Amino acid sequence: MKILLTAFDPFGEDIINPALEAVKLVADTIEGAEIIKLEVPTVFYKSIERVHDKMKEINPDVVLCIGQAGGRFALTPERVAINEDDARIQDNEGNQPIDKPIYEDGENAYFTNLPIKAMVEEMKSIGLPALVSNTAGTFVCNHLMYGVLYHISKEFPNTKGGFMHVPFIPEQVVNRPNSPAMNIQDIKRGIEASIKAIVENDSDINVIGGSEH
């Protein structure tokens, strides 16, 4: 199995992105699967283009994208990406689309085909807080997840794809009082546990993973 593991560069006011730093630490082989890592610009459309080009090059079995979700306390695999860009801040090249579809010919939303509940349970089993998330936001994270699933639907019928958000790391919250954080080694362990669940589960497990809000 070949897994493309992507992570964004730093964006906004931060000079570090925990997603990227953790992905750098992830093992190159997990449960027999080859892990191919890719740094992605936090830029609308360029992010999709970078990952799409790599998908065409290596034809992966799985694409797992990792991004930062400051304010979340848990590792959160995403259930769905929506066809909507509505940027609260500018991306790294100054783009700030508001109420724009990502692809005119795309579905309103695409659901991940990764075993996200199995991923959550595997992370919890090694003592890490993890939850299924039902919103990837409307910034470049959702944009990339949607783009990956769009291209899977159009070109890669045998590929699985999805996205997981990770919390801040401690140095990012020094001047963000009461913000949750997770150390980089635990984020790395969570990504590796998620990949283990992906390798071991062709389909998702039937456990509660919903939320009330």
N, C-alpha and C. Protein backbone atom coordinates (compact mmCIF):
# COMPACT_ATOMS: atom_id res chain seq x y z
N MET A 1 0.84 -1.20 0.00
CA MET A 1 0.00 0.00 0.00
C MET A 1 0.87 1.25 0.00
N LYS A 2 0.42 2.25 -0.76
CA LYS A 2 1.15 3.51 -0.88
C LYS A 2 0.25 4.62 -0.33
N ILE A 3 0.75 5.36 0.67
CA ILE A 3 -0.04 6.41 1.31
C ILE A 3 0.65 7.75 1.12
N LEU A 4 -0.08 8.69 0.51
CA LEU A 4 0.41 10.06 0.37
C LEU A 4 -0.03 10.85 1.59
N LEU A 5 0.93 11.34 2.36
CA LEU A 5 0.67 12.06 3.61
C LEU A 5 1.09 13.51 3.41
N THR A 6 0.11 14.43 3.46
CA THR A 6 0.42 15.83 3.19
C THR A 6 0.24 16.68 4.44
N ALA A 7 0.92 17.83 4.44
CA ALA A 7 0.77 18.79 5.54
C ALA A 7 1.05 20.19 5.02
N PHE A 8 0.35 21.17 5.59
CA PHE A 8 0.49 22.56 5.19
C PHE A 8 1.71 23.22 5.82
N ASP A 9 2.20 24.24 5.13
CA ASP A 9 3.23 25.11 5.71
C ASP A 9 2.57 26.08 6.69
N PRO A 10 3.35 26.83 7.49
CA PRO A 10 2.76 27.77 8.45
C PRO A 10 1.93 28.84 7.75
N PHE A 11 0.92 29.33 8.46
CA PHE A 11 0.07 30.36 7.89
C PHE A 11 -0.39 31.32 8.98
N GLY A 12 -1.00 32.44 8.55
CA GLY A 12 -1.48 33.43 9.51
C GLY A 12 -0.34 34.02 10.31
N GLU A 13 -0.52 34.13 11.62
CA GLU A 13 0.48 34.74 12.49
C GLU A 13 1.54 33.74 12.97
N ASP A 14 1.37 32.47 12.62
CA ASP A 14 2.25 31.44 13.16
C ASP A 14 3.47 31.22 12.26
N ILE A 15 4.61 30.96 12.89
CA ILE A 15 5.82 30.66 12.15
C ILE A 15 6.09 29.16 12.12
N ILE A 16 5.19 28.38 12.70
CA ILE A 16 5.31 26.93 12.71
C ILE A 16 3.92 26.35 12.49
N ASN A 17 3.87 25.20 11.81
CA ASN A 17 2.61 24.49 11.65
C ASN A 17 2.80 23.10 12.23
N PRO A 18 2.05 22.76 13.29
CA PRO A 18 2.25 21.46 13.93
C PRO A 18 1.98 20.30 13.00
N ALA A 19 1.10 20.50 12.02
CA ALA A 19 0.81 19.44 11.06
C ALA A 19 2.09 19.06 10.31
N LEU A 20 2.78 20.06 9.81
CA LEU A 20 3.99 19.80 9.04
C LEU A 20 5.10 19.22 9.91
N GLU A 21 5.29 19.79 11.10
CA GLU A 21 6.37 19.30 11.97
C GLU A 21 6.11 17.86 12.40
N ALA A 22 4.86 17.51 12.65
CA ALA A 22 4.55 16.13 13.04
C ALA A 22 4.72 15.17 11.86
N VAL A 23 4.27 15.57 10.69
CA VAL A 23 4.39 14.71 9.51
C VAL A 23 5.86 14.40 9.22
N LYS A 24 6.74 15.37 9.43
CA LYS A 24 8.17 15.13 9.23
C LYS A 24 8.68 13.99 10.10
N LEU A 25 8.05 13.80 11.27
CA LEU A 25 8.50 12.78 12.22
C LEU A 25 7.88 11.41 11.98
N VAL A 26 6.84 11.34 11.19
CA VAL A 26 6.13 10.08 10.96
C VAL A 26 7.04 9.07 10.27
N ALA A 27 6.93 7.82 10.67
CA ALA A 27 7.75 6.76 10.10
C ALA A 27 7.50 6.64 8.59
N ASP A 28 8.51 6.18 7.87
CA ASP A 28 8.41 6.04 6.43
C ASP A 28 7.65 4.78 6.01
N THR A 29 7.51 3.84 6.94
CA THR A 29 6.74 2.62 6.70
C THR A 29 5.90 2.35 7.94
N ILE A 30 4.59 2.11 7.74
CA ILE A 30 3.69 1.82 8.86
C ILE A 30 2.83 0.63 8.47
N GLU A 31 2.91 -0.44 9.25
CA GLU A 31 2.13 -1.65 8.98
C GLU A 31 2.30 -2.11 7.54
N GLY A 32 3.52 -1.98 7.03
CA GLY A 32 3.82 -2.43 5.68
C GLY A 32 3.49 -1.42 4.59
N ALA A 33 2.85 -0.31 4.94
CA ALA A 33 2.49 0.71 3.96
C ALA A 33 3.63 1.71 3.79
N GLU A 34 3.90 2.09 2.55
CA GLU A 34 4.91 3.10 2.25
C GLU A 34 4.30 4.49 2.43
N ILE A 35 4.96 5.33 3.21
CA ILE A 35 4.48 6.68 3.49
C ILE A 35 5.29 7.68 2.66
N ILE A 36 4.59 8.41 1.80
CA ILE A 36 5.21 9.43 0.95
C ILE A 36 4.72 10.79 1.43
N LYS A 37 5.65 11.64 1.88
CA LYS A 37 5.28 12.90 2.52
C LYS A 37 5.37 14.06 1.53
N LEU A 38 4.45 15.02 1.70
CA LEU A 38 4.41 16.16 0.79
C LEU A 38 4.03 17.42 1.56
N GLU A 39 4.85 18.45 1.47
CA GLU A 39 4.52 19.76 2.03
C GLU A 39 3.66 20.52 1.03
N VAL A 40 2.61 21.15 1.55
CA VAL A 40 1.62 21.81 0.69
C VAL A 40 1.51 23.28 1.08
N PRO A 41 1.46 24.18 0.10
CA PRO A 41 1.31 25.60 0.43
C PRO A 41 -0.10 25.92 0.94
N THR A 42 -0.19 26.78 1.93
CA THR A 42 -1.50 27.21 2.43
C THR A 42 -2.02 28.30 1.49
N VAL A 43 -2.38 27.85 0.31
CA VAL A 43 -2.82 28.75 -0.76
C VAL A 43 -3.96 28.07 -1.51
N PHE A 44 -5.05 28.80 -1.70
CA PHE A 44 -6.17 28.27 -2.46
C PHE A 44 -5.70 27.85 -3.86
N TYR A 45 -6.20 26.71 -4.30
CA TYR A 45 -5.94 26.10 -5.61
C TYR A 45 -4.51 25.60 -5.77
N LYS A 46 -3.50 26.35 -5.38
CA LYS A 46 -2.15 25.82 -5.46
C LYS A 46 -2.00 24.58 -4.59
N SER A 47 -2.69 24.57 -3.46
CA SER A 47 -2.63 23.39 -2.58
C SER A 47 -3.20 22.17 -3.29
N ILE A 48 -4.35 22.33 -3.92
CA ILE A 48 -4.95 21.20 -4.65
C ILE A 48 -4.04 20.78 -5.80
N GLU A 49 -3.52 21.75 -6.53
CA GLU A 49 -2.66 21.45 -7.67
C GLU A 49 -1.44 20.65 -7.24
N ARG A 50 -0.82 21.05 -6.11
CA ARG A 50 0.37 20.34 -5.63
C ARG A 50 0.04 18.88 -5.31
N VAL A 51 -1.07 18.65 -4.63
CA VAL A 51 -1.43 17.28 -4.25
C VAL A 51 -1.90 16.50 -5.48
N HIS A 52 -2.67 17.12 -6.33
CA HIS A 52 -3.15 16.44 -7.54
C HIS A 52 -1.98 16.00 -8.41
N ASP A 53 -0.98 16.85 -8.57
CA ASP A 53 0.19 16.49 -9.36
C ASP A 53 0.89 15.27 -8.76
N LYS A 54 1.01 15.24 -7.43
CA LYS A 54 1.66 14.09 -6.78
C LYS A 54 0.82 12.84 -6.93
N MET A 55 -0.50 12.98 -6.85
CA MET A 55 -1.38 11.83 -7.05
C MET A 55 -1.19 11.24 -8.45
N LYS A 56 -1.10 12.08 -9.45
CA LYS A 56 -0.88 11.60 -10.82
C LYS A 56 0.49 10.94 -10.97
N GLU A 57 1.46 11.44 -10.22
CA GLU A 57 2.81 10.88 -10.29
C GLU A 57 2.90 9.50 -9.67
N ILE A 58 2.31 9.32 -8.47
CA ILE A 58 2.54 8.08 -7.72
C ILE A 58 1.32 7.17 -7.63
N ASN A 59 0.14 7.65 -8.01
CA ASN A 59 -1.10 6.87 -7.95
C ASN A 59 -1.26 6.18 -6.58
N PRO A 60 -1.44 6.95 -5.52
CA PRO A 60 -1.49 6.36 -4.17
C PRO A 60 -2.77 5.59 -3.92
N ASP A 61 -2.70 4.67 -2.98
CA ASP A 61 -3.90 3.97 -2.51
C ASP A 61 -4.71 4.85 -1.58
N VAL A 62 -4.00 5.72 -0.84
CA VAL A 62 -4.64 6.59 0.17
C VAL A 62 -3.98 7.96 0.12
N VAL A 63 -4.81 9.00 0.27
CA VAL A 63 -4.30 10.35 0.49
C VAL A 63 -4.84 10.82 1.83
N LEU A 64 -3.94 11.09 2.77
CA LEU A 64 -4.33 11.62 4.08
C LEU A 64 -3.68 12.99 4.25
N CYS A 65 -4.51 14.02 4.33
CA CYS A 65 -4.02 15.39 4.49
C CYS A 65 -4.13 15.80 5.96
N ILE A 66 -3.12 16.51 6.45
CA ILE A 66 -3.08 16.94 7.84
C ILE A 66 -3.02 18.46 7.88
N GLY A 67 -3.81 19.06 8.79
CA GLY A 67 -3.81 20.51 8.94
C GLY A 67 -4.01 20.92 10.38
N GLN A 68 -3.70 22.17 10.67
CA GLN A 68 -3.83 22.74 12.01
C GLN A 68 -5.24 23.27 12.25
N ALA A 69 -5.79 22.95 13.41
CA ALA A 69 -7.06 23.54 13.85
C ALA A 69 -6.86 24.09 15.25
N GLY A 70 -6.32 25.31 15.32
CA GLY A 70 -6.10 25.93 16.62
C GLY A 70 -7.39 26.10 17.38
N GLY A 71 -7.37 25.73 18.65
CA GLY A 71 -8.56 25.79 19.49
C GLY A 71 -9.18 24.44 19.76
N ARG A 72 -8.89 23.47 18.92
CA ARG A 72 -9.37 22.11 19.17
C ARG A 72 -8.42 21.41 20.13
N PHE A 73 -8.99 20.58 21.00
CA PHE A 73 -8.16 19.87 21.97
C PHE A 73 -7.84 18.46 21.52
N ALA A 74 -8.54 17.96 20.48
CA ALA A 74 -8.41 16.57 20.07
C ALA A 74 -7.89 16.47 18.64
N LEU A 75 -7.43 15.29 18.29
CA LEU A 75 -7.12 14.94 16.91
C LEU A 75 -8.44 14.59 16.23
N THR A 76 -8.72 15.23 15.09
CA THR A 76 -10.07 15.16 14.55
C THR A 76 -10.08 14.81 13.06
N PRO A 77 -10.26 13.53 12.72
CA PRO A 77 -10.51 13.17 11.33
C PRO A 77 -11.82 13.81 10.85
N GLU A 78 -11.81 14.32 9.64
CA GLU A 78 -12.97 15.03 9.10
C GLU A 78 -13.89 14.08 8.32
N ARG A 79 -15.19 14.28 8.51
CA ARG A 79 -16.17 13.45 7.83
C ARG A 79 -16.50 13.94 6.42
N VAL A 80 -16.53 15.29 6.23
CA VAL A 80 -17.08 15.84 5.00
C VAL A 80 -16.37 17.14 4.62
N ALA A 81 -16.27 17.37 3.32
CA ALA A 81 -15.77 18.64 2.78
C ALA A 81 -16.86 19.25 1.91
N ILE A 82 -17.04 20.56 2.00
CA ILE A 82 -18.10 21.24 1.26
C ILE A 82 -17.53 22.09 0.14
N ASN A 83 -18.34 22.30 -0.88
CA ASN A 83 -17.92 23.04 -2.07
C ASN A 83 -18.09 24.54 -1.84
N GLU A 84 -17.29 25.05 -0.90
CA GLU A 84 -17.44 26.45 -0.48
C GLU A 84 -16.13 26.98 0.07
N ASP A 85 -15.65 28.06 -0.54
CA ASP A 85 -14.55 28.84 0.03
C ASP A 85 -15.13 30.10 0.65
N ASP A 86 -14.85 30.33 1.93
CA ASP A 86 -15.31 31.53 2.63
C ASP A 86 -14.25 31.86 3.66
N ALA A 87 -13.21 32.55 3.19
CA ALA A 87 -11.98 32.70 3.97
C ALA A 87 -12.10 33.83 4.99
N ARG A 88 -11.91 33.50 6.27
CA ARG A 88 -11.92 34.50 7.33
C ARG A 88 -10.67 35.35 7.28
N ILE A 89 -9.55 34.74 6.84
CA ILE A 89 -8.28 35.46 6.70
C ILE A 89 -7.72 35.17 5.31
N GLN A 90 -6.70 35.90 4.94
CA GLN A 90 -6.04 35.66 3.67
C GLN A 90 -5.16 34.42 3.74
N ASP A 91 -5.00 33.75 2.59
CA ASP A 91 -4.04 32.66 2.53
C ASP A 91 -2.63 33.23 2.41
N ASN A 92 -1.65 32.40 2.19
CA ASN A 92 -0.26 32.86 2.21
C ASN A 92 0.14 33.67 0.99
N GLU A 93 -0.75 33.83 0.03
CA GLU A 93 -0.49 34.69 -1.12
C GLU A 93 -1.50 35.84 -1.20
N GLY A 94 -2.22 36.06 -0.11
CA GLY A 94 -3.13 37.19 -0.05
C GLY A 94 -4.51 36.97 -0.63
N ASN A 95 -4.82 35.72 -1.01
CA ASN A 95 -6.15 35.42 -1.55
C ASN A 95 -7.16 35.27 -0.42
N GLN A 96 -8.35 35.78 -0.61
CA GLN A 96 -9.40 35.66 0.39
C GLN A 96 -10.77 35.51 -0.30
N PRO A 97 -11.02 34.36 -0.91
CA PRO A 97 -12.31 34.16 -1.58
C PRO A 97 -13.45 34.11 -0.56
N ILE A 98 -14.57 34.70 -0.92
CA ILE A 98 -15.73 34.73 -0.05
C ILE A 98 -16.94 34.19 -0.82
N ASP A 99 -17.55 33.16 -0.25
CA ASP A 99 -18.75 32.55 -0.84
C ASP A 99 -18.53 32.14 -2.29
N LYS A 100 -17.42 31.42 -2.54
CA LYS A 100 -17.10 30.95 -3.87
C LYS A 100 -17.08 29.42 -3.90
N PRO A 101 -17.68 28.81 -4.91
CA PRO A 101 -17.54 27.35 -5.04
C PRO A 101 -16.11 26.99 -5.40
N ILE A 102 -15.67 25.84 -4.96
CA ILE A 102 -14.32 25.38 -5.28
C ILE A 102 -14.26 24.87 -6.71
N TYR A 103 -15.23 24.03 -7.08
CA TYR A 103 -15.37 23.55 -8.45
C TYR A 103 -16.82 23.66 -8.87
N GLU A 104 -17.06 24.36 -9.97
CA GLU A 104 -18.43 24.56 -10.46
C GLU A 104 -19.10 23.24 -10.80
N ASP A 105 -18.32 22.27 -11.25
CA ASP A 105 -18.91 20.99 -11.66
C ASP A 105 -18.82 19.94 -10.56
N GLY A 106 -18.47 20.37 -9.35
CA GLY A 106 -18.35 19.42 -8.24
C GLY A 106 -19.66 19.25 -7.49
N GLU A 107 -19.73 18.20 -6.68
CA GLU A 107 -20.89 17.99 -5.81
C GLU A 107 -20.91 19.06 -4.72
N ASN A 108 -22.07 19.23 -4.11
CA ASN A 108 -22.17 20.18 -3.00
C ASN A 108 -21.22 19.81 -1.86
N ALA A 109 -21.00 18.51 -1.69
CA ALA A 109 -20.10 18.02 -0.66
C ALA A 109 -19.61 16.63 -1.05
N TYR A 110 -18.46 16.28 -0.53
CA TYR A 110 -17.92 14.93 -0.66
C TYR A 110 -17.60 14.41 0.74
N PHE A 111 -18.01 13.16 0.99
CA PHE A 111 -17.70 12.50 2.25
C PHE A 111 -16.42 11.69 2.09
N THR A 112 -15.60 11.70 3.13
CA THR A 112 -14.40 10.88 3.11
C THR A 112 -14.76 9.41 2.99
N ASN A 113 -13.87 8.65 2.36
CA ASN A 113 -14.02 7.19 2.35
C ASN A 113 -12.95 6.52 3.20
N LEU A 114 -12.33 7.30 4.09
CA LEU A 114 -11.42 6.73 5.08
C LEU A 114 -12.21 6.20 6.27
N PRO A 115 -11.67 5.21 6.99
CA PRO A 115 -12.35 4.67 8.17
C PRO A 115 -12.15 5.57 9.39
N ILE A 116 -12.84 6.71 9.39
CA ILE A 116 -12.54 7.75 10.39
C ILE A 116 -12.88 7.32 11.81
N LYS A 117 -13.92 6.51 11.98
CA LYS A 117 -14.24 6.05 13.34
C LYS A 117 -13.20 5.06 13.83
N ALA A 118 -12.72 4.21 12.95
CA ALA A 118 -11.63 3.31 13.33
C ALA A 118 -10.37 4.10 13.66
N MET A 119 -10.12 5.18 12.93
CA MET A 119 -8.97 6.04 13.23
C MET A 119 -9.10 6.64 14.62
N VAL A 120 -10.29 7.13 14.94
CA VAL A 120 -10.51 7.71 16.26
C VAL A 120 -10.30 6.67 17.35
N GLU A 121 -10.86 5.49 17.18
CA GLU A 121 -10.73 4.46 18.21
C GLU A 121 -9.28 4.03 18.38
N GLU A 122 -8.52 3.96 17.30
CA GLU A 122 -7.11 3.58 17.39
C GLU A 122 -6.33 4.64 18.15
N MET A 123 -6.61 5.91 17.90
CA MET A 123 -5.91 6.97 18.62
C MET A 123 -6.28 6.97 20.09
N LYS A 124 -7.54 6.77 20.39
CA LYS A 124 -7.97 6.70 21.78
C LYS A 124 -7.34 5.52 22.51
N SER A 125 -7.11 4.44 21.78
CA SER A 125 -6.55 3.23 22.41
C SER A 125 -5.12 3.44 22.89
N ILE A 126 -4.43 4.46 22.33
CA ILE A 126 -3.07 4.74 22.81
C ILE A 126 -3.05 5.99 23.69
N GLY A 127 -4.22 6.37 24.18
CA GLY A 127 -4.30 7.42 25.19
C GLY A 127 -4.36 8.83 24.67
N LEU A 128 -4.77 9.01 23.41
CA LEU A 128 -4.85 10.35 22.83
C LEU A 128 -6.29 10.77 22.63
N PRO A 129 -6.62 12.03 22.94
CA PRO A 129 -7.98 12.51 22.68
C PRO A 129 -8.24 12.61 21.18
N ALA A 130 -9.34 12.03 20.73
CA ALA A 130 -9.67 12.01 19.31
C ALA A 130 -11.17 12.00 19.14
N LEU A 131 -11.64 12.69 18.12
CA LEU A 131 -13.06 12.79 17.83
C LEU A 131 -13.28 12.87 16.32
N VAL A 132 -14.42 12.37 15.85
CA VAL A 132 -14.83 12.65 14.49
C VAL A 132 -15.30 14.10 14.41
N SER A 133 -14.84 14.82 13.40
CA SER A 133 -15.29 16.19 13.17
C SER A 133 -16.23 16.23 11.98
N ASN A 134 -17.27 17.05 12.08
CA ASN A 134 -18.23 17.18 11.00
C ASN A 134 -18.12 18.50 10.26
N THR A 135 -17.06 19.25 10.51
CA THR A 135 -16.78 20.44 9.72
C THR A 135 -15.28 20.66 9.61
N ALA A 136 -14.83 20.80 8.37
CA ALA A 136 -13.43 21.10 8.12
C ALA A 136 -13.21 22.59 7.92
N GLY A 137 -14.24 23.41 8.24
CA GLY A 137 -14.15 24.85 8.07
C GLY A 137 -14.41 25.26 6.63
N THR A 138 -14.01 26.48 6.29
CA THR A 138 -14.18 26.97 4.92
C THR A 138 -12.91 27.66 4.42
N PHE A 139 -11.78 27.30 5.04
CA PHE A 139 -10.49 27.87 4.63
C PHE A 139 -9.76 26.84 3.77
N VAL A 140 -8.44 26.87 3.74
CA VAL A 140 -7.69 26.04 2.80
C VAL A 140 -7.74 24.56 3.18
N CYS A 141 -7.98 24.24 4.43
CA CYS A 141 -8.10 22.83 4.83
C CYS A 141 -9.29 22.17 4.15
N ASN A 142 -10.46 22.75 4.31
CA ASN A 142 -11.64 22.23 3.62
C ASN A 142 -11.42 22.25 2.11
N HIS A 143 -10.83 23.33 1.62
CA HIS A 143 -10.55 23.49 0.19
C HIS A 143 -9.74 22.30 -0.34
N LEU A 144 -8.66 21.94 0.37
CA LEU A 144 -7.82 20.84 -0.08
C LEU A 144 -8.53 19.50 0.05
N MET A 145 -9.21 19.28 1.17
CA MET A 145 -9.94 18.03 1.32
C MET A 145 -10.96 17.87 0.20
N TYR A 146 -11.70 18.94 -0.08
CA TYR A 146 -12.68 18.88 -1.17
C TYR A 146 -11.98 18.58 -2.50
N GLY A 147 -10.87 19.27 -2.76
CA GLY A 147 -10.17 19.05 -4.02
C GLY A 147 -9.67 17.63 -4.18
N VAL A 148 -9.13 17.06 -3.12
CA VAL A 148 -8.66 15.67 -3.18
C VAL A 148 -9.82 14.73 -3.49
N LEU A 149 -10.93 14.91 -2.79
CA LEU A 149 -12.07 14.02 -3.01
C LEU A 149 -12.71 14.25 -4.37
N TYR A 150 -12.69 15.48 -4.85
CA TYR A 150 -13.16 15.79 -6.20
C TYR A 150 -12.35 15.01 -7.22
N HIS A 151 -11.03 15.07 -7.12
CA HIS A 151 -10.19 14.37 -8.09
C HIS A 151 -10.29 12.86 -7.94
N ILE A 152 -10.47 12.38 -6.72
CA ILE A 152 -10.71 10.94 -6.54
C ILE A 152 -11.98 10.53 -7.28
N SER A 153 -13.03 11.32 -7.16
CA SER A 153 -14.30 10.98 -7.81
C SER A 153 -14.19 11.01 -9.33
N LYS A 154 -13.30 11.87 -9.86
CA LYS A 154 -13.17 12.04 -11.30
C LYS A 154 -12.13 11.10 -11.93
N GLU A 155 -11.05 10.82 -11.18
CA GLU A 155 -9.89 10.17 -11.80
C GLU A 155 -9.34 8.95 -11.07
N PHE A 156 -9.60 8.83 -9.79
CA PHE A 156 -8.92 7.80 -8.98
C PHE A 156 -9.95 6.95 -8.23
N PRO A 157 -10.73 6.14 -8.93
CA PRO A 157 -11.84 5.42 -8.28
C PRO A 157 -11.41 4.43 -7.22
N ASN A 158 -10.15 4.01 -7.23
CA ASN A 158 -9.69 3.02 -6.26
C ASN A 158 -8.90 3.64 -5.11
N THR A 159 -8.88 4.97 -5.06
CA THR A 159 -8.12 5.67 -4.02
C THR A 159 -9.04 6.14 -2.90
N LYS A 160 -8.54 6.06 -1.67
CA LYS A 160 -9.26 6.62 -0.53
C LYS A 160 -8.60 7.94 -0.13
N GLY A 161 -9.41 8.86 0.38
CA GLY A 161 -8.85 10.14 0.75
C GLY A 161 -9.60 10.81 1.88
N GLY A 162 -8.90 11.69 2.58
CA GLY A 162 -9.53 12.43 3.66
C GLY A 162 -8.55 13.36 4.34
N PHE A 163 -8.98 13.89 5.47
CA PHE A 163 -8.26 14.97 6.13
C PHE A 163 -8.36 14.78 7.64
N MET A 164 -7.30 15.16 8.35
CA MET A 164 -7.35 15.18 9.81
C MET A 164 -6.75 16.48 10.32
N HIS A 165 -7.46 17.13 11.24
CA HIS A 165 -6.95 18.32 11.91
C HIS A 165 -6.24 17.95 13.20
N VAL A 166 -5.22 18.75 13.52
CA VAL A 166 -4.47 18.55 14.75
C VAL A 166 -4.44 19.85 15.55
N PRO A 167 -4.28 19.78 16.88
CA PRO A 167 -4.27 20.99 17.71
C PRO A 167 -2.98 21.80 17.58
N PHE A 168 -2.98 22.97 18.20
CA PHE A 168 -1.75 23.71 18.42
C PHE A 168 -0.76 22.86 19.21
N ILE A 169 0.53 23.22 19.09
CA ILE A 169 1.53 22.69 20.00
C ILE A 169 1.83 23.75 21.06
N PRO A 170 2.47 23.37 22.20
CA PRO A 170 2.57 24.30 23.33
C PRO A 170 3.18 25.66 23.01
N GLU A 171 4.21 25.71 22.17
CA GLU A 171 4.84 27.01 21.90
C GLU A 171 3.91 27.97 21.17
N GLN A 172 2.85 27.45 20.54
CA GLN A 172 1.92 28.33 19.84
C GLN A 172 0.91 28.99 20.76
N VAL A 173 0.77 28.48 21.97
CA VAL A 173 -0.28 29.01 22.86
C VAL A 173 0.30 29.85 24.01
N VAL A 174 1.58 30.16 23.94
CA VAL A 174 2.20 30.98 24.99
C VAL A 174 1.46 32.31 25.13
N ASN A 175 1.08 32.89 24.01
CA ASN A 175 0.35 34.15 24.03
C ASN A 175 -1.11 33.99 23.61
N ARG A 176 -1.62 32.76 23.78
CA ARG A 176 -3.02 32.48 23.53
C ARG A 176 -3.60 31.84 24.80
N PRO A 177 -3.91 32.63 25.81
CA PRO A 177 -4.34 32.08 27.10
C PRO A 177 -5.54 31.15 26.96
N ASN A 178 -5.48 30.05 27.70
CA ASN A 178 -6.57 29.07 27.79
C ASN A 178 -6.83 28.33 26.49
N SER A 179 -5.86 28.33 25.58
CA SER A 179 -5.99 27.56 24.35
C SER A 179 -5.40 26.17 24.55
N PRO A 180 -6.08 25.14 24.12
CA PRO A 180 -5.54 23.78 24.26
C PRO A 180 -4.35 23.56 23.35
N ALA A 181 -3.49 22.63 23.74
CA ALA A 181 -2.31 22.28 22.94
C ALA A 181 -1.97 20.82 23.18
N MET A 182 -1.24 20.25 22.23
CA MET A 182 -0.78 18.86 22.31
C MET A 182 0.68 18.83 21.87
N ASN A 183 1.50 18.04 22.54
CA ASN A 183 2.91 18.02 22.16
C ASN A 183 3.11 17.32 20.81
N ILE A 184 4.18 17.68 20.14
CA ILE A 184 4.39 17.24 18.76
C ILE A 184 4.55 15.73 18.67
N GLN A 185 5.14 15.11 19.68
CA GLN A 185 5.30 13.65 19.63
C GLN A 185 3.95 12.94 19.69
N ASP A 186 3.03 13.48 20.48
CA ASP A 186 1.70 12.87 20.54
C ASP A 186 0.94 13.07 19.23
N ILE A 187 1.10 14.23 18.60
CA ILE A 187 0.47 14.43 17.30
C ILE A 187 1.03 13.42 16.29
N LYS A 188 2.33 13.23 16.31
CA LYS A 188 2.97 12.24 15.43
C LYS A 188 2.43 10.84 15.71
N ARG A 189 2.30 10.49 16.99
CA ARG A 189 1.76 9.18 17.35
C ARG A 189 0.33 9.03 16.86
N GLY A 190 -0.44 10.11 16.95
CA GLY A 190 -1.81 10.05 16.49
C GLY A 190 -1.92 9.83 14.99
N ILE A 191 -1.07 10.50 14.23
CA ILE A 191 -1.06 10.30 12.78
C ILE A 191 -0.69 8.86 12.44
N GLU A 192 0.32 8.35 13.12
CA GLU A 192 0.73 6.96 12.86
C GLU A 192 -0.37 5.97 13.24
N ALA A 193 -1.06 6.23 14.35
CA ALA A 193 -2.17 5.36 14.75
C ALA A 193 -3.30 5.42 13.72
N SER A 194 -3.56 6.61 13.19
CA SER A 194 -4.59 6.74 12.16
C SER A 194 -4.23 5.96 10.91
N ILE A 195 -2.97 6.03 10.52
CA ILE A 195 -2.54 5.27 9.35
C ILE A 195 -2.65 3.78 9.60
N LYS A 196 -2.31 3.33 10.80
CA LYS A 196 -2.47 1.92 11.15
C LYS A 196 -3.93 1.50 10.97
N ALA A 197 -4.86 2.33 11.43
CA ALA A 197 -6.29 2.01 11.29
C ALA A 197 -6.70 1.98 9.82
N ILE A 198 -6.16 2.88 9.02
CA ILE A 198 -6.47 2.90 7.59
C ILE A 198 -6.01 1.61 6.92
N VAL A 199 -4.80 1.18 7.26
CA VAL A 199 -4.25 -0.04 6.66
C VAL A 199 -5.07 -1.26 7.07
N GLU A 200 -5.52 -1.28 8.32
CA GLU A 200 -6.17 -2.48 8.85
C GLU A 200 -7.67 -2.54 8.60
N ASN A 201 -8.28 -1.47 8.13
CA ASN A 201 -9.75 -1.43 7.98
C ASN A 201 -10.14 -1.02 6.56
N ASP A 202 -10.61 -1.99 5.78
CA ASP A 202 -11.09 -1.68 4.43
C ASP A 202 -12.35 -0.83 4.47
N SER A 203 -13.17 -1.04 5.49
CA SER A 203 -14.36 -0.23 5.70
C SER A 203 -14.39 0.23 7.15
N ASP A 204 -15.25 1.20 7.45
CA ASP A 204 -15.24 1.75 8.80
C ASP A 204 -15.97 0.84 9.77
N ILE A 205 -15.71 1.06 11.05
CA ILE A 205 -16.36 0.30 12.10
C ILE A 205 -17.66 0.99 12.50
N ASN A 206 -18.57 0.22 13.06
CA ASN A 206 -19.89 0.73 13.43
C ASN A 206 -19.93 1.05 14.92
N VAL A 207 -19.43 2.24 15.25
CA VAL A 207 -19.47 2.71 16.64
C VAL A 207 -19.98 4.14 16.63
N ILE A 208 -20.40 4.61 17.78
CA ILE A 208 -20.90 5.99 17.89
C ILE A 208 -19.77 6.97 17.64
N GLY A 209 -20.02 7.93 16.77
CA GLY A 209 -19.01 8.94 16.50
C GLY A 209 -19.63 10.30 16.25
N GLY A 210 -20.93 10.41 16.48
CA GLY A 210 -21.63 11.65 16.20
C GLY A 210 -21.54 12.63 17.35
N SER A 211 -22.11 13.81 17.14
CA SER A 211 -22.12 14.85 18.16
C SER A 211 -23.46 15.58 18.11
N GLU A 212 -23.76 16.31 19.17
CA GLU A 212 -25.03 17.03 19.25
C GLU A 212 -24.95 18.41 18.60
N HIS A 213 -23.73 18.93 18.43
CA HIS A 213 -23.59 20.25 17.83
C HIS A 213 -22.19 20.40 17.25
